[in-house]
């Protein structure tokens, strides 16, 4: 039971690490998104100004000591501020999970991976690999727009403030659906890639034992 708990905590760390990596990589690569998505033409502002507003938003969302959101070029409604606050809470929960489960992951690496016992968890790894594929297949079948709506309805159940009105929350113009689709794809690649790597290691352990 203790070993299974260690595996579960380690997978939770990998999940939180993939989420945080996605957040910070999206922040780093956002200037490229401005160009790819033609956001300058959408809001009629230079790329540097758009980036500055995005940086203010991301600093608010990820910085646990920053509890005031005031973007220089994009005013926010009370509903908009409420939604961003909910997102901020989720980000901080993810950061907390990352920190709290890190010792378990380090212990897992030392006692399971380093000692070549990872093959004992190959079925669990395979299940975790297939789960995102299931969601990815659903997103492909229904379309990302519908999947994105369903995602918000589940994550923010009973709260409709995520439905931004561009008239009062114009920041939504620089956060188009395609941007979020790119972040979902990035998370998918990071999470699946990490788990696939671990599964390959577990498979190699079995192959070497048979020789």
C-alpha atoms as a PDB file:
ATOM      1  CA  UNK A   1       0.000   0.000   0.000  1.00  0.00           C
ATOM      2  CA  UNK A   2       2.910   2.297   0.833  1.00  0.00           C
ATOM      3  CA  UNK A   3       4.536   1.656  -2.553  1.00  0.00           C
ATOM      4  CA  UNK A   4       1.262   2.310  -4.376  1.00  0.00           C
ATOM      5  CA  UNK A   5       0.884   5.553  -2.457  1.00  0.00           C
ATOM      6  CA  UNK A   6       4.417   6.540  -3.441  1.00  0.00           C
ATOM      7  CA  UNK A   7       3.591   5.820  -7.082  1.00  0.00           C
ATOM      8  CA  UNK A   8       0.394   7.868  -6.851  1.00  0.00           C
ATOM      9  CA  UNK A   9       2.161  10.847  -5.282  1.00  0.00           C
ATOM     10  CA  UNK A  10       4.913  10.645  -7.892  1.00  0.00           C
ATOM     11  CA  UNK A  11       2.395  10.666 -10.716  1.00  0.00           C
ATOM     12  CA  UNK A  12       0.672  13.613  -9.066  1.00  0.00           C
ATOM     13  CA  UNK A  13       4.020  15.417  -9.052  1.00  0.00           C
ATOM     14  CA  UNK A  14       4.507  14.665 -12.749  1.00  0.00           C
ATOM     15  CA  UNK A  15       1.009  15.992 -13.472  1.00  0.00           C
ATOM     16  CA  UNK A  16       1.630  19.201 -11.528  1.00  0.00           C
ATOM     17  CA  UNK A  17       5.067  19.586 -13.129  1.00  0.00           C
ATOM     18  CA  UNK A  18       3.563  19.234 -16.612  1.00  0.00           C
ATOM     19  CA  UNK A  19       0.884  21.818 -15.800  1.00  0.00           C
ATOM     20  CA  UNK A  20       3.411  24.304 -14.397  1.00  0.00           C
ATOM     21  CA  UNK A  21       5.813  23.720 -17.287  1.00  0.00           C
ATOM     22  CA  UNK A  22       2.948  24.420 -19.684  1.00  0.00           C
ATOM     23  CA  UNK A  23       2.067  27.644 -17.857  1.00  0.00           C
ATOM     24  CA  UNK A  24       5.607  28.992 -17.849  1.00  0.00           C
ATOM     25  CA  UNK A  25       6.447  27.849 -21.383  1.00  0.00           C
ATOM     26  CA  UNK A  26       3.242  29.467 -22.660  1.00  0.00           C
ATOM     27  CA  UNK A  27       4.389  32.644 -20.916  1.00  0.00           C
ATOM     28  CA  UNK A  28       7.814  32.434 -22.577  1.00  0.00           C
ATOM     29  CA  UNK A  29       6.477  31.690 -26.050  1.00  0.00           C
ATOM     30  CA  UNK A  30       3.528  34.096 -25.933  1.00  0.00           C
ATOM     31  CA  UNK A  31       5.328  36.702 -28.127  1.00  0.00           C
ATOM     32  CA  UNK A  32       5.356  34.078 -30.881  1.00  0.00           C
ATOM     33  CA  UNK A  33       1.624  33.526 -30.375  1.00  0.00           C
ATOM     34  CA  UNK A  34       1.057  37.242 -30.936  1.00  0.00           C
ATOM     35  CA  UNK A  35       2.609  36.883 -34.363  1.00  0.00           C
ATOM     36  CA  UNK A  36       1.052  33.512 -35.243  1.00  0.00           C
ATOM     37  CA  UNK A  37      -2.457  34.578 -34.250  1.00  0.00           C
ATOM     38  CA  UNK A  38      -2.198  38.108 -35.633  1.00  0.00           C
ATOM     39  CA  UNK A  39      -3.205  39.685 -32.327  1.00  0.00           C
ATOM     40  CA  UNK A  40      -1.778  43.095 -33.238  1.00  0.00           C
ATOM     41  CA  UNK A  41      -4.437  43.437 -35.920  1.00  0.00           C
ATOM     42  CA  UNK A  42      -7.150  42.233 -33.551  1.00  0.00           C
ATOM     43  CA  UNK A  43      -6.586  44.785 -30.779  1.00  0.00           C
ATOM     44  CA  UNK A  44      -4.695  47.415 -32.806  1.00  0.00           C
ATOM     45  CA  UNK A  45      -1.815  47.501 -30.341  1.00  0.00           C
ATOM     46  CA  UNK A  46       1.899  46.792 -30.876  1.00  0.00           C
ATOM     47  CA  UNK A  47       3.249  43.388 -29.875  1.00  0.00           C
ATOM     48  CA  UNK A  48       5.297  44.893 -27.030  1.00  0.00           C
ATOM     49  CA  UNK A  49       2.169  46.392 -25.460  1.00  0.00           C
ATOM     50  CA  UNK A  50       0.242  43.144 -25.791  1.00  0.00           C
ATOM     51  CA  UNK A  51       3.139  41.226 -24.240  1.00  0.00           C
ATOM     52  CA  UNK A  52       3.356  43.681 -21.356  1.00  0.00           C
ATOM     53  CA  UNK A  53      -0.321  43.222 -20.512  1.00  0.00           C
ATOM     54  CA  UNK A  54       0.022  39.449 -20.736  1.00  0.00           C
ATOM     55  CA  UNK A  55       3.042  39.568 -18.420  1.00  0.00           C
ATOM     56  CA  UNK A  56       1.041  41.563 -15.862  1.00  0.00           C
ATOM     57  CA  UNK A  57      -1.732  38.968 -16.040  1.00  0.00           C
ATOM     58  CA  UNK A  58       0.624  36.004 -15.737  1.00  0.00           C
ATOM     59  CA  UNK A  59       2.530  37.570 -12.861  1.00  0.00           C
ATOM     60  CA  UNK A  60      -0.771  38.023 -11.038  1.00  0.00           C
ATOM     61  CA  UNK A  61      -1.825  34.434 -11.725  1.00  0.00           C
ATOM     62  CA  UNK A  62       1.454  32.811 -10.687  1.00  0.00           C
ATOM     63  CA  UNK A  63       2.811  35.110  -7.970  1.00  0.00           C
ATOM     64  CA  UNK A  64       1.409  34.171  -4.529  1.00  0.00           C
ATOM     65  CA  UNK A  65       2.116  37.633  -3.107  1.00  0.00           C
ATOM     66  CA  UNK A  66       0.441  39.569  -5.929  1.00  0.00           C
ATOM     67  CA  UNK A  67      -3.303  39.851  -5.302  1.00  0.00           C
ATOM     68  CA  UNK A  68      -4.109  42.909  -7.402  1.00  0.00           C
ATOM     69  CA  UNK A  69      -4.741  42.663 -11.132  1.00  0.00           C
ATOM     70  CA  UNK A  70      -4.578  45.851 -13.137  1.00  0.00           C
ATOM     71  CA  UNK A  71      -3.517  45.508 -16.750  1.00  0.00           C
ATOM     72  CA  UNK A  72      -2.390  48.841 -18.240  1.00  0.00           C
ATOM     73  CA  UNK A  73      -4.366  48.582 -21.492  1.00  0.00           C
ATOM     74  CA  UNK A  74      -7.209  46.202 -20.697  1.00  0.00           C
ATOM     75  CA  UNK A  75      -9.829  47.069 -18.055  1.00  0.00           C
ATOM     76  CA  UNK A  76     -11.540  44.223 -16.209  1.00  0.00           C
ATOM     77  CA  UNK A  77     -15.095  43.758 -14.977  1.00  0.00           C
ATOM     78  CA  UNK A  78     -15.915  42.281 -11.572  1.00  0.00           C
ATOM     79  CA  UNK A  79     -16.823  39.009 -13.262  1.00  0.00           C
ATOM     80  CA  UNK A  80     -13.542  39.010 -15.142  1.00  0.00           C
ATOM     81  CA  UNK A  81     -11.550  39.684 -11.982  1.00  0.00           C
ATOM     82  CA  UNK A  82     -13.468  36.947 -10.174  1.00  0.00           C
ATOM     83  CA  UNK A  83     -12.630  34.406 -12.869  1.00  0.00           C
ATOM     84  CA  UNK A  84      -8.961  35.325 -12.892  1.00  0.00           C
ATOM     85  CA  UNK A  85      -8.940  34.986  -9.114  1.00  0.00           C
ATOM     86  CA  UNK A  86     -10.357  31.459  -9.429  1.00  0.00           C
ATOM     87  CA  UNK A  87      -7.660  30.621 -11.983  1.00  0.00           C
ATOM     88  CA  UNK A  88      -5.053  32.078  -9.616  1.00  0.00           C
ATOM     89  CA  UNK A  89      -6.264  29.777  -6.831  1.00  0.00           C
ATOM     90  CA  UNK A  90      -5.947  26.772  -9.145  1.00  0.00           C
ATOM     91  CA  UNK A  91      -2.437  27.801 -10.157  1.00  0.00           C
ATOM     92  CA  UNK A  92      -1.369  28.128  -6.523  1.00  0.00           C
ATOM     93  CA  UNK A  93      -2.918  24.765  -5.648  1.00  0.00           C
ATOM     94  CA  UNK A  94      -0.871  23.245  -8.473  1.00  0.00           C
ATOM     95  CA  UNK A  95       2.272  24.960  -7.188  1.00  0.00           C
ATOM     96  CA  UNK A  96       1.569  23.633  -3.688  1.00  0.00           C
ATOM     97  CA  UNK A  97       1.041  20.086  -4.985  1.00  0.00           C
ATOM     98  CA  UNK A  98       4.308  20.327  -6.927  1.00  0.00           C
ATOM     99  CA  UNK A  99       6.223  21.291  -3.772  1.00  0.00           C
ATOM    100  CA  UNK A 100       4.486  18.899  -1.360  1.00  0.00           C
ATOM    101  CA  UNK A 101       4.829  15.829  -3.614  1.00  0.00           C
ATOM    102  CA  UNK A 102       8.410  16.548  -4.715  1.00  0.00           C
ATOM    103  CA  UNK A 103       9.988  14.531  -1.853  1.00  0.00           C
ATOM    104  CA  UNK A 104       7.823  11.544  -2.795  1.00  0.00           C
ATOM    105  CA  UNK A 105       8.938  11.781  -6.422  1.00  0.00           C
ATOM    106  CA  UNK A 106      12.609  12.027  -5.414  1.00  0.00           C
ATOM    107  CA  UNK A 107      12.149   8.976  -3.168  1.00  0.00           C
ATOM    108  CA  UNK A 108      10.399   7.160  -6.032  1.00  0.00           C
ATOM    109  CA  UNK A 109      13.344   7.896  -8.328  1.00  0.00           C
ATOM    110  CA  UNK A 110      15.854   6.621  -5.762  1.00  0.00           C
ATOM    111  CA  UNK A 111      14.021   3.494  -4.614  1.00  0.00           C
ATOM    112  CA  UNK A 112      12.049   2.442  -7.696  1.00  0.00           C
ATOM    113  CA  UNK A 113      13.582   3.860 -10.868  1.00  0.00           C
ATOM    114  CA  UNK A 114      17.252   3.740  -9.835  1.00  0.00           C
ATOM    115  CA  UNK A 115      16.876   0.179  -8.497  1.00  0.00           C
ATOM    116  CA  UNK A 116      15.045  -0.933 -11.658  1.00  0.00           C
ATOM    117  CA  UNK A 117      11.663  -1.733 -10.116  1.00  0.00           C
ATOM    118  CA  UNK A 118       9.691   0.529 -12.439  1.00  0.00           C
ATOM    119  CA  UNK A 119       8.361  -2.471 -14.380  1.00  0.00           C
ATOM    120  CA  UNK A 120       6.161  -3.244 -11.366  1.00  0.00           C
ATOM    121  CA  UNK A 121       4.134  -0.148 -12.264  1.00  0.00           C
ATOM    122  CA  UNK A 122       3.930  -0.622 -16.032  1.00  0.00           C
ATOM    123  CA  UNK A 123       0.163  -1.273 -15.955  1.00  0.00           C
ATOM    124  CA  UNK A 124      -0.444   1.882 -13.949  1.00  0.00           C
ATOM    125  CA  UNK A 125       1.748   3.857 -16.343  1.00  0.00           C
ATOM    126  CA  UNK A 126      -0.101   2.438 -19.337  1.00  0.00           C
ATOM    127  CA  UNK A 127      -3.444   3.432 -17.815  1.00  0.00           C
ATOM    128  CA  UNK A 128      -2.219   6.977 -17.201  1.00  0.00           C
ATOM    129  CA  UNK A 129      -0.916   7.164 -20.767  1.00  0.00           C
ATOM    130  CA  UNK A 130      -4.263   6.052 -22.202  1.00  0.00           C
ATOM    131  CA  UNK A 131      -6.347   8.461 -20.110  1.00  0.00           C
ATOM    132  CA  UNK A 132      -5.176  11.681 -21.834  1.00  0.00           C
ATOM    133  CA  UNK A 133      -5.476   9.916 -25.188  1.00  0.00           C
ATOM    134  CA  UNK A 134      -9.144   9.326 -24.379  1.00  0.00           C
ATOM    135  CA  UNK A 135      -9.700  13.018 -23.654  1.00  0.00           C
ATOM    136  CA  UNK A 136      -7.691  13.964 -26.726  1.00  0.00           C
ATOM    137  CA  UNK A 137      -9.845  11.694 -28.858  1.00  0.00           C
ATOM    138  CA  UNK A 138     -12.985  13.255 -27.410  1.00  0.00           C
ATOM    139  CA  UNK A 139     -11.660  16.746 -28.185  1.00  0.00           C
ATOM    140  CA  UNK A 140     -10.926  15.630 -31.742  1.00  0.00           C
ATOM    141  CA  UNK A 141     -14.414  14.176 -32.214  1.00  0.00           C
ATOM    142  CA  UNK A 142     -16.454  17.046 -30.765  1.00  0.00           C
ATOM    143  CA  UNK A 143     -14.064  19.834 -31.774  1.00  0.00           C
ATOM    144  CA  UNK A 144     -11.779  21.789 -29.482  1.00  0.00           C
ATOM    145  CA  UNK A 145     -14.308  24.603 -29.046  1.00  0.00           C
ATOM    146  CA  UNK A 146     -16.912  22.255 -27.542  1.00  0.00           C
ATOM    147  CA  UNK A 147     -14.281  20.434 -25.501  1.00  0.00           C
ATOM    148  CA  UNK A 148     -13.023  23.777 -24.168  1.00  0.00           C
ATOM    149  CA  UNK A 149     -16.542  24.760 -23.111  1.00  0.00           C
ATOM    150  CA  UNK A 150     -17.087  21.391 -21.401  1.00  0.00           C
ATOM    151  CA  UNK A 151     -13.718  21.718 -19.667  1.00  0.00           C
ATOM    152  CA  UNK A 152     -14.731  25.068 -18.178  1.00  0.00           C
ATOM    153  CA  UNK A 153     -18.189  23.844 -17.175  1.00  0.00           C
ATOM    154  CA  UNK A 154     -16.600  20.999 -15.223  1.00  0.00           C
ATOM    155  CA  UNK A 155     -13.694  22.954 -13.741  1.00  0.00           C
ATOM    156  CA  UNK A 156     -15.828  25.977 -12.833  1.00  0.00           C
ATOM    157  CA  UNK A 157     -19.121  24.225 -12.110  1.00  0.00           C
ATOM    158  CA  UNK A 158     -21.852  26.685 -11.145  1.00  0.00           C
ATOM    159  CA  UNK A 159     -19.707  29.680 -12.124  1.00  0.00           C
ATOM    160  CA  UNK A 160     -20.296  31.340 -15.495  1.00  0.00           C
ATOM    161  CA  UNK A 161     -17.814  34.200 -15.064  1.00  0.00           C
ATOM    162  CA  UNK A 162     -15.446  32.411 -17.459  1.00  0.00           C
ATOM    163  CA  UNK A 163     -17.786  33.507 -20.272  1.00  0.00           C
ATOM    164  CA  UNK A 164     -16.043  36.801 -20.981  1.00  0.00           C
ATOM    165  CA  UNK A 165     -17.823  39.710 -22.647  1.00  0.00           C
ATOM    166  CA  UNK A 166     -15.247  41.508 -24.842  1.00  0.00           C
ATOM    167  CA  UNK A 167     -17.119  44.775 -24.260  1.00  0.00           C
ATOM    168  CA  UNK A 168     -16.199  44.799 -20.565  1.00  0.00           C
ATOM    169  CA  UNK A 169     -13.257  42.362 -20.551  1.00  0.00           C
ATOM    170  CA  UNK A 170     -11.343  43.147 -23.764  1.00  0.00           C
ATOM    171  CA  UNK A 171      -8.361  41.087 -22.573  1.00  0.00           C
ATOM    172  CA  UNK A 172     -10.158  38.084 -24.048  1.00  0.00           C
ATOM    173  CA  UNK A 173      -9.153  39.376 -27.490  1.00  0.00           C
ATOM    174  CA  UNK A 174      -5.503  38.563 -26.716  1.00  0.00           C
ATOM    175  CA  UNK A 175      -6.445  35.175 -25.224  1.00  0.00           C
ATOM    176  CA  UNK A 176      -8.144  33.522 -28.208  1.00  0.00           C
ATOM    177  CA  UNK A 177      -9.280  29.922 -28.259  1.00  0.00           C
ATOM    178  CA  UNK A 178      -6.387  28.889 -30.504  1.00  0.00           C
ATOM    179  CA  UNK A 179      -3.924  30.074 -27.875  1.00  0.00           C
ATOM    180  CA  UNK A 180      -5.505  27.742 -25.323  1.00  0.00           C
ATOM    181  CA  UNK A 181      -5.555  24.929 -27.861  1.00  0.00           C
ATOM    182  CA  UNK A 182      -1.792  25.339 -28.231  1.00  0.00           C
ATOM    183  CA  UNK A 183      -1.354  25.182 -24.439  1.00  0.00           C
ATOM    184  CA  UNK A 184      -3.467  22.020 -24.248  1.00  0.00           C
ATOM    185  CA  UNK A 185      -1.332  20.432 -26.968  1.00  0.00           C
ATOM    186  CA  UNK A 186       1.837  21.469 -25.136  1.00  0.00           C
ATOM    187  CA  UNK A 187       0.580  19.958 -21.878  1.00  0.00           C
ATOM    188  CA  UNK A 188      -0.432  16.782 -23.705  1.00  0.00           C
ATOM    189  CA  UNK A 189       3.054  16.410 -25.205  1.00  0.00           C
ATOM    190  CA  UNK A 190       4.829  17.099 -21.907  1.00  0.00           C
ATOM    191  CA  UNK A 191       2.667  14.784 -19.808  1.00  0.00           C
ATOM    192  CA  UNK A 192       2.404  11.980 -22.346  1.00  0.00           C
ATOM    193  CA  UNK A 193       6.084  12.265 -23.243  1.00  0.00           C
ATOM    194  CA  UNK A 194       7.151  11.911 -19.616  1.00  0.00           C
ATOM    195  CA  UNK A 195       4.884   8.933 -18.963  1.00  0.00           C
ATOM    196  CA  UNK A 196       5.855   7.297 -22.251  1.00  0.00           C
ATOM    197  CA  UNK A 197       9.513   7.681 -21.299  1.00  0.00           C
ATOM    198  CA  UNK A 198       8.881   5.987 -17.952  1.00  0.00           C
ATOM    199  CA  UNK A 199       6.908   3.210 -19.645  1.00  0.00           C
ATOM    200  CA  UNK A 200       9.770   2.582 -22.073  1.00  0.00           C
ATOM    201  CA  UNK A 201      12.167   2.355 -19.134  1.00  0.00           C
ATOM    202  CA  UNK A 202       9.864  -0.191 -17.457  1.00  0.00           C
ATOM    203  CA  UNK A 203       9.669  -2.195 -20.685  1.00  0.00           C
ATOM    204  CA  UNK A 204      13.463  -2.188 -21.033  1.00  0.00           C
ATOM    205  CA  UNK A 205      13.768  -3.500 -17.484  1.00  0.00           C
ATOM    206  CA  UNK A 206      11.614  -6.509 -18.387  1.00  0.00           C
ATOM    207  CA  UNK A 207      13.508  -7.087 -21.639  1.00  0.00           C
ATOM    208  CA  UNK A 208      16.848  -7.145 -19.824  1.00  0.00           C
ATOM    209  CA  UNK A 209      15.521  -9.534 -17.168  1.00  0.00           C
ATOM    210  CA  UNK A 210      14.533 -12.032 -19.878  1.00  0.00           C
ATOM    211  CA  UNK A 211      18.047 -12.142 -21.321  1.00  0.00           C
END
